[in-house]
């Protein structure tokens, strides 16, 4: 009986991660689509490395390793043991996936939030930073 409870807890944690990743990914991509459709001022942040196929493959591999690492850390019982931390990891991975899709599709990242005192950024960037802050927030 205890094994099935642990299995349900693991499944719930994975669902939290995937749900947060999916929500952030869809929010990021839809916001970028709206920015372009409404012709809102934006910048395409491009780096020469984004055009290289081997570099793009490396970025995809890095994303997959990050996902596998977070899952392994959760399964080990060492970290990411709360729903909030798994949702934070999911938000960070969803944001990273949104920017990665831009790199794969456009060879640049579409940024449109301009605070005038900070570099221009997008929803994916917010998800990455806020997600990691939540994931690593100390649990008392």
C-alpha atoms as a PDB file:
ATOM      1  CA  UNK A   1       0.000   0.000   0.000  1.00  0.00           C
ATOM      2  CA  UNK A   2       2.815   2.398   0.841  1.00  0.00           C
ATOM      3  CA  UNK A   3       4.421   1.864  -2.608  1.00  0.00           C
ATOM      4  CA  UNK A   4       1.249   2.907  -4.419  1.00  0.00           C
ATOM      5  CA  UNK A   5       1.010   6.060  -2.291  1.00  0.00           C
ATOM      6  CA  UNK A   6       4.587   6.970  -3.196  1.00  0.00           C
ATOM      7  CA  UNK A   7       3.778   6.324  -6.853  1.00  0.00           C
ATOM      8  CA  UNK A   8       0.775   8.672  -6.687  1.00  0.00           C
ATOM      9  CA  UNK A   9       2.909  11.353  -5.032  1.00  0.00           C
ATOM     10  CA  UNK A  10       5.561  11.014  -7.773  1.00  0.00           C
ATOM     11  CA  UNK A  11       2.893  11.200 -10.475  1.00  0.00           C
ATOM     12  CA  UNK A  12       1.356  14.281  -8.855  1.00  0.00           C
ATOM     13  CA  UNK A  13       4.778  15.958  -8.760  1.00  0.00           C
ATOM     14  CA  UNK A  14       5.382  15.214 -12.442  1.00  0.00           C
ATOM     15  CA  UNK A  15       1.904  16.526 -13.272  1.00  0.00           C
ATOM     16  CA  UNK A  16       2.696  19.757 -11.355  1.00  0.00           C
ATOM     17  CA  UNK A  17       5.927  20.136 -13.307  1.00  0.00           C
ATOM     18  CA  UNK A  18       4.300  19.464 -16.686  1.00  0.00           C
ATOM     19  CA  UNK A  19       1.286  21.680 -15.966  1.00  0.00           C
ATOM     20  CA  UNK A  20       3.466  24.621 -14.967  1.00  0.00           C
ATOM     21  CA  UNK A  21       5.740  24.063 -17.956  1.00  0.00           C
ATOM     22  CA  UNK A  22       2.781  23.862 -20.328  1.00  0.00           C
ATOM     23  CA  UNK A  23       1.076  26.964 -18.968  1.00  0.00           C
ATOM     24  CA  UNK A  24       4.260  29.019 -19.129  1.00  0.00           C
ATOM     25  CA  UNK A  25       5.101  27.751 -22.624  1.00  0.00           C
ATOM     26  CA  UNK A  26       1.631  28.575 -23.995  1.00  0.00           C
ATOM     27  CA  UNK A  27       1.584  31.969 -22.256  1.00  0.00           C
ATOM     28  CA  UNK A  28       5.006  32.820 -23.674  1.00  0.00           C
ATOM     29  CA  UNK A  29       4.268  31.720 -27.227  1.00  0.00           C
ATOM     30  CA  UNK A  30       0.820  33.338 -27.323  1.00  0.00           C
ATOM     31  CA  UNK A  31       2.212  36.626 -25.972  1.00  0.00           C
ATOM     32  CA  UNK A  32       4.911  36.618 -28.654  1.00  0.00           C
ATOM     33  CA  UNK A  33       2.301  35.882 -31.335  1.00  0.00           C
ATOM     34  CA  UNK A  34       0.130  38.774 -30.095  1.00  0.00           C
ATOM     35  CA  UNK A  35       3.086  41.158 -30.004  1.00  0.00           C
ATOM     36  CA  UNK A  36       3.812  40.402 -33.644  1.00  0.00           C
ATOM     37  CA  UNK A  37       0.165  40.359 -34.751  1.00  0.00           C
ATOM     38  CA  UNK A  38      -0.568  43.701 -33.078  1.00  0.00           C
ATOM     39  CA  UNK A  39       2.740  45.117 -34.262  1.00  0.00           C
ATOM     40  CA  UNK A  40       3.830  46.076 -30.774  1.00  0.00           C
ATOM     41  CA  UNK A  41       7.401  47.327 -30.552  1.00  0.00           C
ATOM     42  CA  UNK A  42       9.750  44.439 -29.911  1.00  0.00           C
ATOM     43  CA  UNK A  43      13.314  43.354 -30.492  1.00  0.00           C
ATOM     44  CA  UNK A  44      14.674  40.118 -31.857  1.00  0.00           C
ATOM     45  CA  UNK A  45      17.619  39.235 -29.670  1.00  0.00           C
ATOM     46  CA  UNK A  46      19.943  37.245 -31.854  1.00  0.00           C
ATOM     47  CA  UNK A  47      23.352  35.800 -31.272  1.00  0.00           C
ATOM     48  CA  UNK A  48      25.592  34.356 -33.943  1.00  0.00           C
ATOM     49  CA  UNK A  49      25.553  31.050 -32.120  1.00  0.00           C
ATOM     50  CA  UNK A  50      21.777  30.714 -32.688  1.00  0.00           C
ATOM     51  CA  UNK A  51      22.400  30.204 -36.421  1.00  0.00           C
ATOM     52  CA  UNK A  52      24.742  27.252 -35.916  1.00  0.00           C
ATOM     53  CA  UNK A  53      22.995  23.888 -36.067  1.00  0.00           C
ATOM     54  CA  UNK A  54      25.379  22.249 -33.613  1.00  0.00           C
ATOM     55  CA  UNK A  55      24.814  25.033 -31.080  1.00  0.00           C
ATOM     56  CA  UNK A  56      21.028  24.713 -31.386  1.00  0.00           C
ATOM     57  CA  UNK A  57      21.326  20.943 -30.901  1.00  0.00           C
ATOM     58  CA  UNK A  58      23.457  21.634 -27.826  1.00  0.00           C
ATOM     59  CA  UNK A  59      20.770  23.917 -26.412  1.00  0.00           C
ATOM     60  CA  UNK A  60      18.123  21.230 -26.910  1.00  0.00           C
ATOM     61  CA  UNK A  61      20.379  18.679 -25.223  1.00  0.00           C
ATOM     62  CA  UNK A  62      20.975  21.084 -22.320  1.00  0.00           C
ATOM     63  CA  UNK A  63      17.197  21.490 -21.876  1.00  0.00           C
ATOM     64  CA  UNK A  64      16.691  17.705 -21.861  1.00  0.00           C
ATOM     65  CA  UNK A  65      19.509  17.268 -19.315  1.00  0.00           C
ATOM     66  CA  UNK A  66      17.948  19.969 -17.103  1.00  0.00           C
ATOM     67  CA  UNK A  67      14.600  18.151 -17.208  1.00  0.00           C
ATOM     68  CA  UNK A  68      16.219  14.792 -16.428  1.00  0.00           C
ATOM     69  CA  UNK A  69      18.296  16.325 -13.624  1.00  0.00           C
ATOM     70  CA  UNK A  70      15.297  17.988 -11.973  1.00  0.00           C
ATOM     71  CA  UNK A  71      13.342  14.749 -12.194  1.00  0.00           C
ATOM     72  CA  UNK A  72      16.231  12.748 -10.731  1.00  0.00           C
ATOM     73  CA  UNK A  73      16.721  15.258  -7.905  1.00  0.00           C
ATOM     74  CA  UNK A  74      13.033  15.053  -7.052  1.00  0.00           C
ATOM     75  CA  UNK A  75      13.041  11.247  -7.185  1.00  0.00           C
ATOM     76  CA  UNK A  76      16.097  11.104  -4.901  1.00  0.00           C
ATOM     77  CA  UNK A  77      14.158  12.888  -2.183  1.00  0.00           C
ATOM     78  CA  UNK A  78      16.949  15.442  -1.791  1.00  0.00           C
ATOM     79  CA  UNK A  79      15.283  18.509  -3.295  1.00  0.00           C
ATOM     80  CA  UNK A  80      12.173  19.739  -5.134  1.00  0.00           C
ATOM     81  CA  UNK A  81       9.901  17.917  -2.704  1.00  0.00           C
ATOM     82  CA  UNK A  82       7.014  20.397  -2.567  1.00  0.00           C
ATOM     83  CA  UNK A  83       4.332  21.122  -5.128  1.00  0.00           C
ATOM     84  CA  UNK A  84       5.545  24.722  -5.273  1.00  0.00           C
ATOM     85  CA  UNK A  85       9.120  23.711  -6.013  1.00  0.00           C
ATOM     86  CA  UNK A  86       8.029  21.329  -8.774  1.00  0.00           C
ATOM     87  CA  UNK A  87       5.774  24.018 -10.241  1.00  0.00           C
ATOM     88  CA  UNK A  88       8.751  26.411 -10.110  1.00  0.00           C
ATOM     89  CA  UNK A  89      10.951  23.929 -11.951  1.00  0.00           C
ATOM     90  CA  UNK A  90       8.152  23.469 -14.474  1.00  0.00           C
ATOM     91  CA  UNK A  91       7.802  27.220 -15.015  1.00  0.00           C
ATOM     92  CA  UNK A  92      11.560  27.535 -15.544  1.00  0.00           C
ATOM     93  CA  UNK A  93      11.596  24.630 -18.009  1.00  0.00           C
ATOM     94  CA  UNK A  94       8.511  25.962 -19.807  1.00  0.00           C
ATOM     95  CA  UNK A  95      10.121  29.384 -20.156  1.00  0.00           C
ATOM     96  CA  UNK A  96      13.335  27.840 -21.397  1.00  0.00           C
ATOM     97  CA  UNK A  97      11.332  25.774 -23.898  1.00  0.00           C
ATOM     98  CA  UNK A  98       9.595  28.930 -25.151  1.00  0.00           C
ATOM     99  CA  UNK A  99      12.882  30.705 -25.800  1.00  0.00           C
ATOM    100  CA  UNK A 100      14.373  27.527 -27.244  1.00  0.00           C
ATOM    101  CA  UNK A 101      11.507  27.242 -29.724  1.00  0.00           C
ATOM    102  CA  UNK A 102      12.196  30.843 -30.795  1.00  0.00           C
ATOM    103  CA  UNK A 103      15.859  29.990 -31.336  1.00  0.00           C
ATOM    104  CA  UNK A 104      15.002  26.876 -33.335  1.00  0.00           C
ATOM    105  CA  UNK A 105      12.319  28.578 -35.413  1.00  0.00           C
ATOM    106  CA  UNK A 106      13.567  32.179 -35.808  1.00  0.00           C
ATOM    107  CA  UNK A 107      17.236  31.959 -34.808  1.00  0.00           C
ATOM    108  CA  UNK A 108      16.470  34.786 -32.366  1.00  0.00           C
ATOM    109  CA  UNK A 109      14.404  35.368 -29.229  1.00  0.00           C
ATOM    110  CA  UNK A 110      11.527  37.844 -29.380  1.00  0.00           C
ATOM    111  CA  UNK A 111      11.704  40.266 -26.429  1.00  0.00           C
ATOM    112  CA  UNK A 112       9.079  42.942 -25.794  1.00  0.00           C
ATOM    113  CA  UNK A 113       8.908  43.939 -22.115  1.00  0.00           C
ATOM    114  CA  UNK A 114      10.908  47.151 -21.806  1.00  0.00           C
ATOM    115  CA  UNK A 115      11.199  48.719 -18.349  1.00  0.00           C
ATOM    116  CA  UNK A 116      13.690  51.284 -19.710  1.00  0.00           C
ATOM    117  CA  UNK A 117      16.109  50.583 -16.839  1.00  0.00           C
ATOM    118  CA  UNK A 118      16.601  46.843 -17.513  1.00  0.00           C
ATOM    119  CA  UNK A 119      17.388  44.915 -20.697  1.00  0.00           C
ATOM    120  CA  UNK A 120      14.307  44.055 -22.775  1.00  0.00           C
ATOM    121  CA  UNK A 121      12.871  40.624 -21.890  1.00  0.00           C
ATOM    122  CA  UNK A 122       9.821  38.387 -22.389  1.00  0.00           C
ATOM    123  CA  UNK A 123       7.374  36.152 -20.471  1.00  0.00           C
ATOM    124  CA  UNK A 124       9.693  33.154 -20.833  1.00  0.00           C
ATOM    125  CA  UNK A 125      12.467  35.045 -19.068  1.00  0.00           C
ATOM    126  CA  UNK A 126      10.093  35.888 -16.212  1.00  0.00           C
ATOM    127  CA  UNK A 127       9.122  32.208 -15.957  1.00  0.00           C
ATOM    128  CA  UNK A 128      12.741  31.096 -15.849  1.00  0.00           C
ATOM    129  CA  UNK A 129      13.805  33.549 -13.130  1.00  0.00           C
ATOM    130  CA  UNK A 130      10.645  33.386 -11.001  1.00  0.00           C
ATOM    131  CA  UNK A 131      10.386  29.615 -11.438  1.00  0.00           C
ATOM    132  CA  UNK A 132      13.920  29.033 -10.222  1.00  0.00           C
ATOM    133  CA  UNK A 133      13.375  31.417  -7.297  1.00  0.00           C
ATOM    134  CA  UNK A 134      10.317  29.395  -6.243  1.00  0.00           C
ATOM    135  CA  UNK A 135      12.042  26.043  -6.878  1.00  0.00           C
ATOM    136  CA  UNK A 136      15.020  26.908  -4.684  1.00  0.00           C
ATOM    137  CA  UNK A 137      13.162  28.941  -2.060  1.00  0.00           C
ATOM    138  CA  UNK A 138      14.122  27.567   1.350  1.00  0.00           C
ATOM    139  CA  UNK A 139      11.407  25.413   2.892  1.00  0.00           C
ATOM    140  CA  UNK A 140      11.225  25.655   6.664  1.00  0.00           C
END
